[in-house]
Amino acid sequence: MPDVSVEIILFNDLHLADKPPALRKEGYFEEGLAMLCELVEAARMENACLVTSGDLFHLKPPLKNSLTMLGQVIDAIRPIGRLFVVPGNHDLNTRGNLEGQPLELLAKAGVVQLLTRGRWELNGIQVISRPYNMERDTDPTYYALESFDGVQPDKPVLMVAHGSIVPNGAIRPYPHLKAQQIDTTGIDMLACGHIHEDLGHSVIRSDPFATFINRGSLGRVARTASNLTRQVFATGLSTNSEGGLNIEDITIKSALPGHSIFNEEKLPEAGANQTEIEVFVQGLTKGMQMEQIDLTTLIKSLGLSPTIEARMLHYLEEAGLA
């Protein structure tokens, strides 16, 4: 439980799935569900709103998400009424919307409120949503306030975004955006998901004052050095006397120790030959595992013609891979 009363509890990238990802041991879903239940109970006890920055589920194809799992997730959320979700890339289909996706089914069940682009007021905090947008993922203007957000000057502003945003000093080998490149005028805090590493919280700029935060994914799907050792946190937010936002780390007690949840990586046998394409696929897989970039996002980043891109995405979806 939080040490002080909070208005919002925020968590990132739970990545729920019936079956564990390739390097995770059995019990992956059970751990994810336990973390969700723990957060729901904390929000209920605090009378706080529970918000996620997206990627609640790991696999996009509806047929790869069982009704049994969805029923358990619905039952887990019911004690607080609704979970507020900023859609992430794993929540969207290959057409970039929620049609037929697991998240859409939860919304229809009444346990999820989708925070599409715009403004919501949750327990006195103005929440501005920026769902994942492939075309504008690294466009700083996408994350700046606009007139349609309808921000009021008398209450703190929290922007929750699912995007490739990192704090100053962090480097990534793929297209990304530095938080300092964003015009954060009118924003008290920029809370981000999508990048799975715990990037902590830091001051973006002092004038106007704004804070960046990303405490990393709850669903540790990749066997990285960070995931083997890090503590798993959610974030508690509350207003302060100056009209800004206080941050409190919330330790997720049901998150299992990193050394106990991963299978060992299998090394090639001595003397084994690898073709160039096998080496390429292994390298590609390892790169995707680092931040869990899905195939749809990868294909859309290749700059293919619209016709070829649409056909590739269609075949992937038909095969249950996208």
Protein backbone atom coordinates (compact mmCIF):
# COMPACT_ATOMS: atom_id res chain seq x y z
CA MET A 1 0.00 0.00 0.00
CA PRO A 2 1.16 3.60 -0.59
CA ASP A 3 2.64 5.39 2.45
CA VAL A 4 0.47 8.46 1.86
CA SER A 5 -2.95 8.99 0.32
CA VAL A 6 -2.83 9.14 -3.48
CA GLU A 7 -5.35 10.22 -6.12
CA ILE A 8 -3.98 8.17 -9.03
CA ILE A 9 -2.05 4.90 -9.19
CA LEU A 10 -0.25 4.50 -12.52
CA PHE A 11 1.40 1.39 -13.97
CA ASN A 12 3.02 0.45 -17.28
CA ASP A 13 2.94 -2.44 -19.79
CA LEU A 14 1.50 -5.43 -17.92
CA HIS A 15 1.49 -7.58 -21.10
CA LEU A 16 -0.96 -10.22 -19.89
CA ALA A 17 -1.00 -13.48 -21.87
CA ASP A 18 -2.32 -17.02 -21.42
CA LYS A 19 1.06 -18.54 -22.23
CA PRO A 20 4.43 -17.17 -21.16
CA PRO A 21 6.61 -15.38 -23.73
CA ALA A 22 9.54 -17.39 -25.07
CA LEU A 23 12.00 -16.80 -22.23
CA ARG A 24 9.54 -16.72 -19.34
CA LYS A 25 8.74 -19.75 -17.18
CA GLU A 26 5.26 -21.10 -16.52
CA GLY A 27 3.23 -18.95 -14.16
CA TYR A 28 3.61 -15.78 -16.23
CA PHE A 29 -0.14 -15.07 -16.38
CA GLU A 30 -0.66 -15.94 -12.72
CA GLU A 31 2.01 -13.40 -11.73
CA GLY A 32 0.51 -10.75 -14.01
CA LEU A 33 -2.98 -11.32 -12.63
CA ALA A 34 -1.66 -11.17 -9.05
CA MET A 35 0.02 -7.82 -9.78
CA LEU A 36 -3.20 -6.47 -11.29
CA CYS A 37 -5.22 -7.65 -8.26
CA GLU A 38 -2.70 -6.03 -5.90
CA LEU A 39 -2.98 -2.71 -7.73
CA VAL A 40 -6.77 -2.90 -7.81
CA GLU A 41 -6.84 -3.49 -4.05
CA ALA A 42 -4.46 -0.57 -3.44
CA ALA A 43 -6.65 1.70 -5.58
CA ARG A 44 -9.78 0.51 -3.77
CA MET A 45 -8.28 1.13 -0.33
CA GLU A 46 -7.06 4.59 -1.35
CA ASN A 47 -10.17 5.46 -3.35
CA ALA A 48 -7.72 6.24 -6.14
CA CYS A 49 -8.14 5.96 -9.91
CA LEU A 50 -6.08 3.14 -11.45
CA VAL A 51 -4.46 4.16 -14.75
CA THR A 52 -2.23 2.25 -17.16
CA SER A 53 -0.10 3.68 -19.96
CA GLY A 54 -1.06 0.80 -22.26
CA ASP A 55 -0.12 -2.69 -23.44
CA LEU A 56 -2.40 -4.37 -20.94
CA PHE A 57 -2.26 -7.50 -23.12
CA HIS A 58 0.74 -9.03 -24.86
CA LEU A 59 -0.74 -10.64 -27.99
CA LYS A 60 -2.88 -8.78 -30.51
CA PRO A 61 -4.85 -11.57 -32.24
CA PRO A 62 -8.13 -12.03 -30.34
CA LEU A 63 -7.98 -15.81 -30.85
CA LYS A 64 -4.69 -15.93 -28.92
CA ASN A 65 -6.37 -14.49 -25.81
CA SER A 66 -8.70 -16.98 -24.18
CA LEU A 67 -12.12 -16.07 -22.84
CA THR A 68 -11.06 -17.68 -19.57
CA MET A 69 -8.19 -15.21 -19.23
CA LEU A 70 -10.37 -12.25 -20.20
CA GLY A 71 -12.98 -13.33 -17.65
CA GLN A 72 -10.36 -13.46 -14.90
CA VAL A 73 -9.11 -9.98 -15.84
CA ILE A 74 -12.66 -8.61 -15.80
CA ASP A 75 -13.29 -10.14 -12.37
CA ALA A 76 -10.00 -8.68 -11.10
CA ILE A 77 -10.93 -5.13 -12.14
CA ARG A 78 -14.56 -5.12 -10.92
CA PRO A 79 -13.79 -4.16 -7.27
CA ILE A 80 -12.78 -0.65 -8.43
CA GLY A 81 -15.36 -0.36 -11.20
CA ARG A 82 -13.06 0.77 -14.01
CA LEU A 83 -9.45 0.70 -15.10
CA PHE A 84 -8.40 3.75 -17.15
CA VAL A 85 -6.28 2.72 -20.18
CA VAL A 86 -4.23 4.79 -22.61
CA PRO A 87 -4.00 2.34 -25.57
CA GLY A 88 -0.52 1.08 -26.50
CA ASN A 89 0.85 -0.56 -29.62
CA HIS A 90 0.06 -4.08 -28.35
CA ASP A 91 -3.54 -3.01 -27.75
CA LEU A 92 -4.13 -1.95 -31.37
CA ASN A 93 -4.76 -4.13 -34.41
CA THR A 94 -2.84 -3.84 -37.69
CA ARG A 95 -5.22 -1.06 -38.79
CA GLY A 96 -4.25 1.02 -35.76
CA ASN A 97 -7.55 0.75 -33.91
CA LEU A 98 -9.11 -1.36 -31.14
CA GLU A 99 -11.70 -3.21 -33.23
CA GLY A 100 -11.87 -6.85 -32.15
CA GLN A 101 -9.00 -6.49 -29.68
CA PRO A 102 -9.07 -7.85 -26.10
CA LEU A 103 -9.07 -4.30 -24.75
CA GLU A 104 -12.22 -3.49 -26.73
CA LEU A 105 -13.96 -6.47 -25.12
CA LEU A 106 -13.04 -5.20 -21.65
CA ALA A 107 -14.44 -1.78 -22.55
CA LYS A 108 -17.70 -3.40 -23.69
CA ALA A 109 -17.80 -5.29 -20.38
CA GLY A 110 -17.73 -1.93 -18.61
CA VAL A 111 -14.51 -2.49 -16.63
CA VAL A 112 -12.23 -0.37 -18.82
CA GLN A 113 -12.44 3.31 -19.74
CA LEU A 114 -10.37 3.94 -22.84
CA LEU A 115 -8.52 7.23 -22.67
CA THR A 116 -8.33 8.22 -26.31
CA ARG A 117 -6.56 11.43 -27.20
CA GLY A 118 -7.88 14.29 -25.07
CA ARG A 119 -8.52 15.32 -21.44
CA TRP A 120 -10.10 13.56 -18.45
CA GLU A 121 -10.33 14.70 -14.85
CA LEU A 122 -9.57 11.95 -12.33
CA ASN A 123 -9.75 12.81 -8.63
CA GLY A 124 -8.92 16.46 -9.29
CA ILE A 125 -5.98 15.72 -11.61
CA GLN A 126 -6.28 16.58 -15.29
CA VAL A 127 -5.12 13.59 -17.32
CA ILE A 128 -4.14 14.19 -20.94
CA SER A 129 -3.91 11.04 -23.03
CA ARG A 130 -1.56 10.33 -25.92
CA PRO A 131 -2.16 6.75 -27.16
CA TYR A 132 0.45 5.02 -29.30
CA ASN A 133 0.67 6.60 -32.75
CA MET A 134 3.02 4.87 -35.19
CA GLU A 135 3.22 7.82 -37.57
CA ARG A 136 3.86 10.40 -34.81
CA ASP A 137 5.68 8.29 -32.24
CA THR A 138 8.79 10.50 -32.32
CA ASP A 139 7.07 13.77 -33.31
CA PRO A 140 7.49 16.19 -30.37
CA THR A 141 4.39 18.17 -31.39
CA TYR A 142 2.21 15.08 -30.78
CA TYR A 143 2.94 15.30 -27.06
CA ALA A 144 2.52 19.06 -26.64
CA LEU A 145 -0.77 20.44 -25.32
CA GLU A 146 -3.28 21.56 -27.93
CA SER A 147 -6.46 23.61 -27.69
CA PHE A 148 -8.72 20.55 -27.97
CA ASP A 149 -7.22 19.18 -24.75
CA GLY A 150 -9.21 21.85 -22.89
CA VAL A 151 -6.76 22.14 -20.00
CA GLN A 152 -7.89 24.27 -17.06
CA PRO A 153 -5.31 26.47 -15.27
CA ASP A 154 -6.35 25.68 -11.68
CA LYS A 155 -5.58 21.92 -11.50
CA PRO A 156 -2.40 19.88 -12.08
CA VAL A 157 -1.85 18.30 -15.49
CA LEU A 158 -0.60 14.74 -15.99
CA MET A 159 0.11 13.61 -19.55
CA VAL A 160 0.11 9.82 -19.96
CA ALA A 161 1.74 8.72 -23.22
CA HIS A 162 2.63 5.42 -24.86
CA GLY A 163 5.64 6.35 -26.94
CA SER A 164 9.38 6.02 -27.56
CA ILE A 165 10.31 8.82 -25.14
CA VAL A 166 13.44 8.85 -22.97
CA PRO A 167 14.93 11.37 -20.55
CA ASN A 168 18.01 13.40 -21.37
CA GLY A 169 21.14 11.24 -21.42
CA ALA A 170 19.38 8.01 -22.36
CA ILE A 171 20.34 6.55 -25.75
CA ARG A 172 18.47 4.02 -27.87
CA PRO A 173 19.57 2.31 -31.15
CA TYR A 174 16.18 2.97 -32.77
CA PRO A 175 14.16 6.15 -33.44
CA HIS A 176 13.23 7.82 -30.16
CA LEU A 177 12.40 11.19 -28.71
CA LYS A 178 14.11 13.03 -25.85
CA ALA A 179 11.60 14.39 -23.35
CA GLN A 180 13.44 17.71 -23.44
CA GLN A 181 12.47 18.10 -27.12
CA ILE A 182 8.78 18.35 -26.15
CA ASP A 183 7.15 21.69 -25.36
CA THR A 184 5.84 20.82 -21.90
CA THR A 185 4.25 24.20 -21.26
CA GLY A 186 1.19 23.56 -19.10
CA ILE A 187 2.22 19.97 -18.26
CA ASP A 188 3.27 19.16 -14.69
CA MET A 189 4.26 15.56 -15.39
CA LEU A 190 4.90 13.44 -18.49
CA ALA A 191 4.36 9.77 -17.61
CA CYS A 192 5.39 7.31 -20.32
CA GLY A 193 5.09 3.64 -21.10
CA HIS A 194 6.20 1.56 -24.12
CA ILE A 195 9.92 1.47 -23.27
CA HIS A 196 10.21 -1.40 -20.81
CA GLU A 197 13.30 -0.32 -18.90
CA ASP A 198 12.86 1.54 -15.61
CA LEU A 199 13.92 5.09 -16.54
CA GLY A 200 13.00 6.53 -13.14
CA HIS A 201 11.80 10.09 -12.75
CA SER A 202 13.69 13.27 -13.50
CA VAL A 203 13.14 16.97 -14.16
CA ILE A 204 12.65 17.66 -17.86
CA ARG A 205 13.06 21.42 -17.44
CA SER A 206 12.68 23.91 -14.64
CA ASP A 207 10.99 26.72 -16.59
CA PRO A 208 8.27 25.75 -17.10
CA PHE A 209 8.69 23.03 -14.48
CA ALA A 210 7.90 19.52 -15.69
CA THR A 211 8.83 16.01 -14.58
CA PHE A 212 9.37 12.87 -16.66
CA ILE A 213 8.60 9.40 -15.24
CA ASN A 214 8.73 5.82 -16.52
CA ARG A 215 9.11 3.13 -13.84
CA GLY A 216 9.31 0.37 -16.44
CA SER A 217 7.07 -2.51 -17.47
CA LEU A 218 5.33 -4.77 -14.98
CA GLY A 219 5.32 -7.59 -17.54
CA ARG A 220 9.02 -8.42 -17.72
CA VAL A 221 8.93 -10.32 -20.99
CA ALA A 222 12.59 -10.07 -22.03
CA ARG A 223 15.52 -11.68 -20.23
CA THR A 224 17.61 -8.55 -19.85
CA ALA A 225 20.10 -7.64 -17.14
CA SER A 226 17.67 -5.02 -15.88
CA ASN A 227 14.73 -7.43 -15.66
CA LEU A 228 16.84 -9.98 -13.81
CA THR A 229 17.66 -7.53 -11.03
CA ARG A 230 15.24 -4.62 -10.83
CA GLN A 231 12.45 -4.04 -8.33
CA VAL A 232 9.02 -3.64 -9.96
CA PHE A 233 7.17 -0.41 -9.19
CA ALA A 234 3.92 1.38 -9.89
CA THR A 235 3.56 5.11 -9.21
CA GLY A 236 1.30 6.91 -6.76
CA LEU A 237 0.41 10.51 -7.62
CA SER A 238 -1.12 13.15 -5.35
CA THR A 239 -1.55 16.91 -5.51
CA ASN A 240 0.59 19.16 -3.31
CA SER A 241 0.02 22.54 -1.74
CA GLU A 242 1.76 24.30 -4.66
CA GLY A 243 -0.72 22.82 -7.14
CA GLY A 244 1.76 20.32 -8.55
CA LEU A 245 2.09 16.54 -8.30
CA ASN A 246 3.87 14.42 -5.73
CA ILE A 247 5.41 11.09 -6.79
CA GLU A 248 5.52 7.97 -4.65
CA ASP A 249 7.02 4.66 -5.70
CA ILE A 250 4.68 1.74 -4.97
CA THR A 251 6.49 -1.57 -4.64
CA ILE A 252 4.60 -4.43 -6.31
CA LYS A 253 4.91 -7.18 -3.72
CA SER A 254 3.45 -9.90 -5.96
CA ALA A 255 6.16 -9.36 -8.61
CA LEU A 256 8.45 -12.39 -8.42
CA PRO A 257 12.25 -12.09 -8.21
CA GLY A 258 13.79 -11.71 -11.65
CA HIS A 259 16.18 -14.65 -11.23
CA SER A 260 13.21 -17.00 -10.70
CA ILE A 261 11.01 -16.15 -13.68
CA PHE A 262 13.20 -16.67 -16.75
CA ASN A 263 14.39 -19.75 -18.59
CA GLU A 264 18.07 -19.94 -19.37
CA GLU A 265 19.04 -18.80 -22.85
CA LYS A 266 20.16 -21.73 -24.98
CA LEU A 267 23.58 -21.27 -26.55
CA PRO A 268 24.48 -22.88 -29.90
CA GLU A 269 26.18 -26.26 -29.64
CA ALA A 270 29.94 -26.26 -30.17
CA GLY A 271 30.79 -26.57 -33.84
CA ALA A 272 27.22 -25.92 -34.98
CA ASN A 273 26.94 -24.07 -38.28
CA GLN A 274 24.53 -21.19 -38.68
CA THR A 275 23.33 -19.84 -41.97
CA GLU A 276 23.34 -16.10 -42.55
CA ILE A 277 19.56 -16.00 -42.32
CA GLU A 278 19.59 -17.80 -38.95
CA VAL A 279 22.09 -15.27 -37.61
CA PHE A 280 19.93 -12.44 -38.96
CA VAL A 281 16.75 -13.81 -37.36
CA GLN A 282 18.48 -14.34 -34.01
CA GLY A 283 19.81 -10.79 -34.06
CA LEU A 284 16.42 -9.40 -35.02
CA THR A 285 14.70 -11.38 -32.28
CA LYS A 286 17.15 -10.22 -29.62
CA GLY A 287 16.69 -6.59 -30.69
CA MET A 288 12.92 -6.90 -30.54
CA GLN A 289 13.10 -8.54 -27.13
CA MET A 290 14.94 -5.58 -25.65
CA GLU A 291 11.93 -3.32 -25.88
CA GLN A 292 9.32 -5.80 -27.15
CA ILE A 293 8.77 -4.12 -30.52
CA ASP A 294 5.99 -6.07 -32.21
CA LEU A 295 6.03 -7.20 -35.84
CA THR A 296 3.35 -4.71 -36.89
CA THR A 297 5.42 -1.78 -35.63
CA LEU A 298 8.56 -3.20 -37.24
CA ILE A 299 6.94 -3.59 -40.66
CA LYS A 300 5.41 -0.12 -40.52
CA SER A 301 8.84 1.35 -39.84
CA LEU A 302 10.37 -0.12 -43.03
CA GLY A 303 9.00 2.54 -45.38
CA LEU A 304 7.29 0.06 -47.71
CA SER A 305 4.71 1.11 -50.27
CA PRO A 306 1.18 1.24 -48.80
CA THR A 307 0.06 -1.69 -50.99
CA ILE A 308 2.90 -4.01 -49.97
CA GLU A 309 2.68 -2.96 -46.32
CA ALA A 310 -1.07 -3.63 -46.21
CA ARG A 311 -0.63 -7.06 -47.80
CA MET A 312 2.15 -8.06 -45.39
CA LEU A 313 0.10 -6.96 -42.40
CA HIS A 314 -2.91 -8.84 -43.74
CA TYR A 315 -0.95 -12.08 -44.06
CA LEU A 316 0.57 -11.67 -40.60
CA GLU A 317 -2.85 -11.10 -39.10
CA GLU A 318 -4.26 -14.13 -40.91
CA ALA A 319 -1.39 -16.21 -39.56
CA GLY A 320 -1.98 -14.93 -36.06
CA LEU A 321 1.43 -13.25 -35.85
CA ALA A 322 0.37 -9.59 -35.80
